[in-house]
Amino acid sequence: MNYNALPEGVRLAVEAAQNKKAAGISVLDLSGVGAFTSYFVVCTGFSSPQMQAICTEIEEQLHKKLGRVPEHREGRASSEWALLDFGSFIVHVFSEQARHFYDLERLWRSAPKLVIADEPGGVSGRNVAMGGAHPPGEAVSK
């Protein structure tokens, strides 16, 4: 999986999360595993206000640049897990504890995973599939 090959909405969500200092950003490609969406964007926020800021920035950037709004939102008032459903991709913003507890990357471990740098501009990423690391841009087989 290559960052530049991701849909524009997914890339904008990643960049918006980076702008609000989200950590541990990863993209799971669910298109080949028969899932209900094509991608998960998963990241961590370290406080309830930061998690809300990450969600707000993602929504604002996608609306401003693509005219897209989430089809569904969950958990924005909670401090553990927020979900933004854009149809073809879903953004999960977790607290550290909730991310460890729910461990979506483990649940969807058969899906190719692209690990994104936390800082804006560091979006070359690293491909990971079933626990193995791959150079950026290399195809990942399941």
N, C-alpha and C. Protein backbone atom coordinates (compact mmCIF):
# COMPACT_ATOMS: atom_id res chain seq x y z
N MET A 1 0.86 -1.17 0.00
CA MET A 1 0.00 0.00 0.00
C MET A 1 0.91 1.23 0.00
N ASN A 2 0.59 2.18 -0.83
CA ASN A 2 1.36 3.40 -1.00
C ASN A 2 0.51 4.59 -0.57
N TYR A 3 1.06 5.48 0.23
CA TYR A 3 0.31 6.64 0.72
C TYR A 3 -0.31 7.44 -0.42
N ASN A 4 0.46 7.72 -1.45
CA ASN A 4 -0.03 8.55 -2.55
C ASN A 4 -1.14 7.87 -3.36
N ALA A 5 -1.25 6.55 -3.25
CA ALA A 5 -2.31 5.82 -3.96
C ALA A 5 -3.61 5.78 -3.16
N LEU A 6 -3.58 6.23 -1.91
CA LEU A 6 -4.80 6.25 -1.10
C LEU A 6 -5.78 7.27 -1.66
N PRO A 7 -7.08 7.07 -1.46
CA PRO A 7 -8.06 8.06 -1.89
C PRO A 7 -7.79 9.41 -1.22
N GLU A 8 -8.13 10.48 -1.92
CA GLU A 8 -7.86 11.83 -1.42
C GLU A 8 -8.48 12.07 -0.04
N GLY A 9 -9.68 11.58 0.19
CA GLY A 9 -10.33 11.77 1.49
C GLY A 9 -9.55 11.14 2.62
N VAL A 10 -9.00 9.96 2.40
CA VAL A 10 -8.19 9.28 3.41
C VAL A 10 -6.93 10.09 3.69
N ARG A 11 -6.27 10.56 2.63
CA ARG A 11 -5.05 11.37 2.80
C ARG A 11 -5.36 12.66 3.55
N LEU A 12 -6.47 13.31 3.23
CA LEU A 12 -6.85 14.53 3.94
C LEU A 12 -7.13 14.27 5.41
N ALA A 13 -7.77 13.14 5.72
CA ALA A 13 -8.04 12.78 7.11
C ALA A 13 -6.73 12.56 7.87
N VAL A 14 -5.78 11.88 7.24
CA VAL A 14 -4.47 11.65 7.86
C VAL A 14 -3.78 12.98 8.13
N GLU A 15 -3.75 13.85 7.14
CA GLU A 15 -3.07 15.14 7.29
C GLU A 15 -3.74 16.01 8.34
N ALA A 16 -5.06 15.98 8.42
CA ALA A 16 -5.77 16.74 9.44
C ALA A 16 -5.45 16.21 10.83
N ALA A 17 -5.37 14.88 10.97
CA ALA A 17 -5.01 14.29 12.26
C ALA A 17 -3.59 14.69 12.65
N GLN A 18 -2.68 14.68 11.68
CA GLN A 18 -1.31 15.11 11.94
C GLN A 18 -1.28 16.56 12.41
N ASN A 19 -2.08 17.41 11.79
CA ASN A 19 -2.11 18.83 12.15
C ASN A 19 -2.52 19.05 13.60
N LYS A 20 -3.27 18.12 14.16
CA LYS A 20 -3.71 18.24 15.55
C LYS A 20 -2.92 17.31 16.47
N LYS A 21 -1.74 16.90 15.99
CA LYS A 21 -0.78 16.12 16.79
C LYS A 21 -1.29 14.75 17.22
N ALA A 22 -2.12 14.12 16.39
CA ALA A 22 -2.52 12.73 16.65
C ALA A 22 -1.28 11.85 16.59
N ALA A 23 -1.28 10.78 17.35
CA ALA A 23 -0.14 9.86 17.38
C ALA A 23 -0.55 8.49 16.86
N GLY A 24 0.44 7.72 16.47
CA GLY A 24 0.20 6.34 16.06
C GLY A 24 -0.78 6.21 14.92
N ILE A 25 -0.68 7.10 13.95
CA ILE A 25 -1.62 7.09 12.83
C ILE A 25 -1.33 5.90 11.92
N SER A 26 -2.38 5.15 11.61
CA SER A 26 -2.23 4.05 10.66
C SER A 26 -3.47 3.98 9.78
N VAL A 27 -3.28 3.42 8.60
CA VAL A 27 -4.37 3.21 7.65
C VAL A 27 -4.43 1.72 7.36
N LEU A 28 -5.61 1.15 7.55
CA LEU A 28 -5.83 -0.26 7.23
C LEU A 28 -6.63 -0.34 5.94
N ASP A 29 -6.15 -1.10 4.98
CA ASP A 29 -6.83 -1.29 3.70
C ASP A 29 -7.74 -2.51 3.83
N LEU A 30 -9.03 -2.26 3.98
CA LEU A 30 -10.01 -3.34 4.18
C LEU A 30 -10.68 -3.75 2.88
N SER A 31 -10.27 -3.17 1.77
CA SER A 31 -10.96 -3.42 0.50
C SER A 31 -10.91 -4.88 0.07
N GLY A 32 -9.88 -5.60 0.46
CA GLY A 32 -9.77 -6.98 0.03
C GLY A 32 -10.21 -8.00 1.06
N VAL A 33 -10.76 -7.55 2.17
CA VAL A 33 -11.15 -8.49 3.23
C VAL A 33 -12.66 -8.56 3.42
N GLY A 34 -13.41 -8.05 2.47
CA GLY A 34 -14.87 -8.16 2.52
C GLY A 34 -15.50 -7.37 3.64
N ALA A 35 -14.93 -6.23 3.96
CA ALA A 35 -15.43 -5.41 5.06
C ALA A 35 -16.52 -4.46 4.55
N PHE A 36 -17.13 -3.77 5.47
CA PHE A 36 -18.22 -2.83 5.20
C PHE A 36 -17.73 -1.47 4.75
N THR A 37 -16.43 -1.25 4.73
CA THR A 37 -15.81 -0.02 4.28
C THR A 37 -14.46 -0.37 3.66
N SER A 38 -13.86 0.55 2.94
CA SER A 38 -12.60 0.25 2.27
C SER A 38 -11.37 0.52 3.13
N TYR A 39 -11.45 1.52 4.01
CA TYR A 39 -10.28 1.89 4.82
C TYR A 39 -10.70 2.27 6.23
N PHE A 40 -9.81 1.98 7.18
CA PHE A 40 -9.87 2.53 8.53
C PHE A 40 -8.67 3.46 8.66
N VAL A 41 -8.89 4.65 9.19
CA VAL A 41 -7.81 5.52 9.65
C VAL A 41 -7.89 5.46 11.17
N VAL A 42 -6.80 5.06 11.81
CA VAL A 42 -6.77 4.87 13.26
C VAL A 42 -5.70 5.77 13.84
N CYS A 43 -6.04 6.48 14.92
CA CYS A 43 -5.05 7.33 15.56
C CYS A 43 -5.37 7.49 17.04
N THR A 44 -4.42 8.08 17.76
CA THR A 44 -4.55 8.26 19.20
C THR A 44 -4.48 9.74 19.55
N GLY A 45 -5.36 10.16 20.47
CA GLY A 45 -5.32 11.48 21.08
C GLY A 45 -5.06 11.30 22.56
N PHE A 46 -4.44 12.29 23.20
CA PHE A 46 -4.00 12.13 24.58
C PHE A 46 -4.88 12.81 25.61
N SER A 47 -5.94 13.46 25.15
CA SER A 47 -6.91 14.07 26.06
C SER A 47 -8.23 14.21 25.31
N SER A 48 -9.29 14.39 26.06
CA SER A 48 -10.60 14.56 25.43
C SER A 48 -10.63 15.79 24.52
N PRO A 49 -10.08 16.95 24.97
CA PRO A 49 -10.06 18.10 24.06
C PRO A 49 -9.25 17.85 22.78
N GLN A 50 -8.12 17.14 22.90
CA GLN A 50 -7.33 16.86 21.71
C GLN A 50 -8.09 15.94 20.76
N MET A 51 -8.74 14.92 21.31
CA MET A 51 -9.51 14.01 20.47
C MET A 51 -10.62 14.76 19.73
N GLN A 52 -11.28 15.67 20.43
CA GLN A 52 -12.33 16.47 19.79
C GLN A 52 -11.74 17.37 18.72
N ALA A 53 -10.56 17.95 18.99
CA ALA A 53 -9.90 18.81 18.00
C ALA A 53 -9.51 18.02 16.76
N ILE A 54 -9.04 16.79 16.94
CA ILE A 54 -8.68 15.94 15.80
C ILE A 54 -9.93 15.69 14.94
N CYS A 55 -11.03 15.31 15.57
CA CYS A 55 -12.27 15.05 14.84
C CYS A 55 -12.76 16.29 14.11
N THR A 56 -12.74 17.42 14.79
CA THR A 56 -13.20 18.68 14.20
C THR A 56 -12.36 19.05 12.99
N GLU A 57 -11.04 18.92 13.12
CA GLU A 57 -10.13 19.25 12.01
C GLU A 57 -10.38 18.34 10.81
N ILE A 58 -10.56 17.05 11.05
CA ILE A 58 -10.83 16.11 9.96
C ILE A 58 -12.13 16.50 9.26
N GLU A 59 -13.18 16.75 10.03
CA GLU A 59 -14.46 17.13 9.43
C GLU A 59 -14.34 18.42 8.64
N GLU A 60 -13.66 19.42 9.21
CA GLU A 60 -13.53 20.72 8.53
C GLU A 60 -12.75 20.60 7.23
N GLN A 61 -11.64 19.87 7.24
CA GLN A 61 -10.82 19.75 6.04
C GLN A 61 -11.54 18.97 4.93
N LEU A 62 -12.23 17.90 5.30
CA LEU A 62 -12.96 17.13 4.29
C LEU A 62 -14.13 17.91 3.72
N HIS A 63 -14.78 18.70 4.56
CA HIS A 63 -15.89 19.53 4.07
C HIS A 63 -15.36 20.65 3.17
N LYS A 64 -14.30 21.31 3.62
CA LYS A 64 -13.74 22.44 2.89
C LYS A 64 -13.16 22.02 1.53
N LYS A 65 -12.42 20.91 1.51
CA LYS A 65 -11.70 20.53 0.30
C LYS A 65 -12.45 19.56 -0.61
N LEU A 66 -13.38 18.77 -0.03
CA LEU A 66 -14.09 17.78 -0.85
C LEU A 66 -15.61 17.89 -0.75
N GLY A 67 -16.09 18.78 0.11
CA GLY A 67 -17.53 18.90 0.30
C GLY A 67 -18.14 17.69 0.98
N ARG A 68 -17.34 16.94 1.71
CA ARG A 68 -17.82 15.71 2.37
C ARG A 68 -18.06 15.95 3.85
N VAL A 69 -19.10 15.33 4.34
CA VAL A 69 -19.41 15.33 5.77
C VAL A 69 -19.61 13.88 6.20
N PRO A 70 -19.37 13.58 7.47
CA PRO A 70 -19.55 12.18 7.91
C PRO A 70 -21.00 11.75 7.76
N GLU A 71 -21.18 10.50 7.35
CA GLU A 71 -22.52 9.92 7.29
C GLU A 71 -23.02 9.59 8.70
N HIS A 72 -22.07 9.36 9.60
CA HIS A 72 -22.41 9.00 10.98
C HIS A 72 -21.25 9.38 11.89
N ARG A 73 -21.58 9.80 13.11
CA ARG A 73 -20.58 10.10 14.13
C ARG A 73 -20.93 9.33 15.39
N GLU A 74 -19.92 8.90 16.11
CA GLU A 74 -20.11 8.24 17.40
C GLU A 74 -19.06 8.74 18.37
N GLY A 75 -19.43 8.88 19.62
CA GLY A 75 -18.49 9.07 20.70
C GLY A 75 -17.77 10.38 20.81
N ARG A 76 -18.17 11.41 20.13
CA ARG A 76 -17.44 12.68 20.22
C ARG A 76 -17.48 13.25 21.62
N ALA A 77 -18.54 13.00 22.37
CA ALA A 77 -18.63 13.53 23.73
C ALA A 77 -17.85 12.66 24.71
N SER A 78 -17.60 11.41 24.35
CA SER A 78 -16.86 10.54 25.26
C SER A 78 -15.37 10.84 25.16
N SER A 79 -14.64 10.41 26.14
CA SER A 79 -13.21 10.69 26.14
C SER A 79 -12.38 9.49 25.72
N GLU A 80 -13.01 8.42 25.26
CA GLU A 80 -12.26 7.20 24.96
C GLU A 80 -12.16 6.86 23.47
N TRP A 81 -13.24 7.08 22.69
CA TRP A 81 -13.24 6.63 21.30
C TRP A 81 -14.23 7.47 20.52
N ALA A 82 -13.78 8.05 19.44
CA ALA A 82 -14.66 8.77 18.53
C ALA A 82 -14.55 8.12 17.15
N LEU A 83 -15.66 8.11 16.43
CA LEU A 83 -15.72 7.47 15.13
C LEU A 83 -16.38 8.44 14.16
N LEU A 84 -15.77 8.61 13.00
CA LEU A 84 -16.33 9.41 11.91
C LEU A 84 -16.47 8.49 10.70
N ASP A 85 -17.69 8.25 10.26
CA ASP A 85 -17.96 7.34 9.15
C ASP A 85 -18.20 8.15 7.89
N PHE A 86 -17.26 8.07 6.95
CA PHE A 86 -17.39 8.77 5.68
C PHE A 86 -17.81 7.81 4.56
N GLY A 87 -18.33 6.66 4.92
CA GLY A 87 -18.80 5.69 3.93
C GLY A 87 -17.68 4.81 3.42
N SER A 88 -16.86 5.33 2.53
CA SER A 88 -15.77 4.54 1.96
C SER A 88 -14.59 4.39 2.92
N PHE A 89 -14.57 5.21 3.97
CA PHE A 89 -13.55 5.05 5.01
C PHE A 89 -14.11 5.54 6.34
N ILE A 90 -13.54 4.99 7.41
CA ILE A 90 -13.97 5.33 8.77
C ILE A 90 -12.74 5.77 9.55
N VAL A 91 -12.88 6.87 10.27
CA VAL A 91 -11.80 7.38 11.12
C VAL A 91 -12.11 7.00 12.56
N HIS A 92 -11.14 6.38 13.23
CA HIS A 92 -11.25 6.03 14.65
C HIS A 92 -10.22 6.86 15.40
N VAL A 93 -10.68 7.65 16.37
CA VAL A 93 -9.78 8.42 17.22
C VAL A 93 -9.93 7.87 18.64
N PHE A 94 -8.87 7.27 19.14
CA PHE A 94 -8.89 6.59 20.43
C PHE A 94 -8.06 7.33 21.48
N SER A 95 -8.42 7.13 22.75
CA SER A 95 -7.50 7.42 23.83
C SER A 95 -6.47 6.30 23.82
N GLU A 96 -5.36 6.49 24.52
CA GLU A 96 -4.33 5.44 24.57
C GLU A 96 -4.91 4.14 25.12
N GLN A 97 -5.63 4.24 26.21
CA GLN A 97 -6.17 3.05 26.87
C GLN A 97 -7.19 2.33 25.98
N ALA A 98 -8.08 3.07 25.36
CA ALA A 98 -9.10 2.45 24.51
C ALA A 98 -8.47 1.82 23.27
N ARG A 99 -7.45 2.47 22.71
CA ARG A 99 -6.80 1.90 21.52
C ARG A 99 -6.16 0.56 21.86
N HIS A 100 -5.53 0.50 23.00
CA HIS A 100 -4.92 -0.76 23.43
C HIS A 100 -6.00 -1.82 23.69
N PHE A 101 -7.09 -1.43 24.33
CA PHE A 101 -8.16 -2.37 24.68
C PHE A 101 -8.84 -2.94 23.44
N TYR A 102 -9.25 -2.06 22.50
CA TYR A 102 -9.98 -2.52 21.32
C TYR A 102 -9.07 -3.11 20.24
N ASP A 103 -7.84 -2.62 20.14
CA ASP A 103 -6.81 -3.17 19.28
C ASP A 103 -7.32 -3.53 17.88
N LEU A 104 -7.85 -2.54 17.17
CA LEU A 104 -8.39 -2.78 15.83
C LEU A 104 -7.36 -3.36 14.87
N GLU A 105 -6.10 -2.93 15.03
CA GLU A 105 -5.07 -3.46 14.13
C GLU A 105 -4.92 -4.98 14.31
N ARG A 106 -5.09 -5.48 15.50
CA ARG A 106 -5.02 -6.93 15.72
C ARG A 106 -6.26 -7.61 15.15
N LEU A 107 -7.43 -7.00 15.38
CA LEU A 107 -8.67 -7.59 14.88
C LEU A 107 -8.68 -7.68 13.35
N TRP A 108 -8.08 -6.71 12.70
CA TRP A 108 -8.04 -6.66 11.23
C TRP A 108 -6.62 -6.94 10.73
N ARG A 109 -5.90 -7.82 11.39
CA ARG A 109 -4.49 -8.05 11.07
C ARG A 109 -4.26 -8.63 9.68
N SER A 110 -5.30 -9.19 9.06
CA SER A 110 -5.11 -9.70 7.70
C SER A 110 -5.14 -8.59 6.65
N ALA A 111 -5.52 -7.39 7.06
CA ALA A 111 -5.57 -6.26 6.14
C ALA A 111 -4.21 -5.58 6.05
N PRO A 112 -3.80 -5.17 4.85
CA PRO A 112 -2.56 -4.39 4.73
C PRO A 112 -2.66 -3.12 5.58
N LYS A 113 -1.55 -2.76 6.20
CA LYS A 113 -1.50 -1.62 7.12
C LYS A 113 -0.39 -0.68 6.70
N LEU A 114 -0.69 0.61 6.67
CA LEU A 114 0.30 1.63 6.38
C LEU A 114 0.45 2.48 7.63
N VAL A 115 1.65 2.49 8.22
CA VAL A 115 1.93 3.28 9.40
C VAL A 115 2.41 4.64 8.94
N ILE A 116 1.79 5.70 9.46
CA ILE A 116 2.06 7.06 9.02
C ILE A 116 2.85 7.79 10.10
N ALA A 117 3.81 8.61 9.69
CA ALA A 117 4.55 9.43 10.64
C ALA A 117 3.60 10.40 11.33
N ASP A 118 3.85 10.68 12.60
CA ASP A 118 2.98 11.57 13.36
C ASP A 118 3.05 13.02 12.89
N GLU A 119 4.17 13.43 12.35
CA GLU A 119 4.36 14.82 11.96
C GLU A 119 3.90 15.08 10.53
N PRO A 120 3.26 16.24 10.28
CA PRO A 120 2.88 16.59 8.90
C PRO A 120 4.11 16.58 8.00
N GLY A 121 3.90 16.13 6.78
CA GLY A 121 4.99 16.06 5.83
C GLY A 121 5.74 14.74 5.91
N GLY A 122 5.56 14.00 7.00
CA GLY A 122 6.22 12.71 7.14
C GLY A 122 5.25 11.60 6.80
N VAL A 123 4.65 11.69 5.64
CA VAL A 123 3.56 10.78 5.30
C VAL A 123 3.99 9.64 4.37
N SER A 124 5.28 9.42 4.26
CA SER A 124 5.70 8.33 3.38
C SER A 124 5.24 6.99 3.92
N GLY A 125 5.19 6.89 5.23
CA GLY A 125 4.62 5.70 5.86
C GLY A 125 5.49 4.47 5.75
N ARG A 126 5.00 3.42 6.38
CA ARG A 126 5.66 2.13 6.39
C ARG A 126 4.56 1.09 6.27
N ASN A 127 4.70 0.19 5.33
CA ASN A 127 3.71 -0.87 5.15
C ASN A 127 3.95 -1.98 6.14
N VAL A 128 2.88 -2.47 6.72
CA VAL A 128 2.97 -3.59 7.65
C VAL A 128 1.81 -4.51 7.36
N ALA A 129 2.09 -5.79 7.25
CA ALA A 129 1.01 -6.77 7.07
C ALA A 129 1.31 -7.97 7.95
N MET A 130 0.37 -8.35 8.74
CA MET A 130 0.50 -9.52 9.62
C MET A 130 1.80 -9.46 10.40
N GLY A 131 2.16 -8.27 10.88
CA GLY A 131 3.31 -8.13 11.75
C GLY A 131 4.64 -7.92 11.05
N GLY A 132 4.70 -8.00 9.74
CA GLY A 132 5.97 -7.84 9.04
C GLY A 132 6.11 -6.46 8.46
N ALA A 133 7.30 -5.90 8.51
CA ALA A 133 7.54 -4.56 7.97
C ALA A 133 7.94 -4.66 6.51
N HIS A 134 7.55 -3.68 5.73
CA HIS A 134 7.88 -3.62 4.32
C HIS A 134 8.32 -2.20 4.00
N PRO A 135 9.24 -2.03 3.05
CA PRO A 135 9.66 -0.68 2.67
C PRO A 135 8.47 0.13 2.13
N PRO A 136 8.50 1.46 2.31
CA PRO A 136 7.43 2.29 1.78
C PRO A 136 7.20 2.05 0.29
N GLY A 137 5.96 1.97 -0.10
CA GLY A 137 5.61 1.80 -1.50
C GLY A 137 5.62 0.37 -1.99
N GLU A 138 6.15 -0.53 -1.20
CA GLU A 138 6.18 -1.93 -1.62
C GLU A 138 4.79 -2.54 -1.49
N ALA A 139 4.41 -3.34 -2.46
CA ALA A 139 3.11 -4.03 -2.38
C ALA A 139 3.13 -5.01 -1.20
N VAL A 140 2.02 -5.08 -0.53
CA VAL A 140 1.91 -5.98 0.62
C VAL A 140 0.93 -7.05 0.27
N SER A 141 1.34 -8.29 0.33
CA SER A 141 0.42 -9.38 0.06
C SER A 141 -0.16 -9.89 1.36
N LYS A 142 -1.36 -10.44 1.25
CA LYS A 142 -2.04 -10.95 2.44
C LYS A 142 -1.73 -12.40 2.65
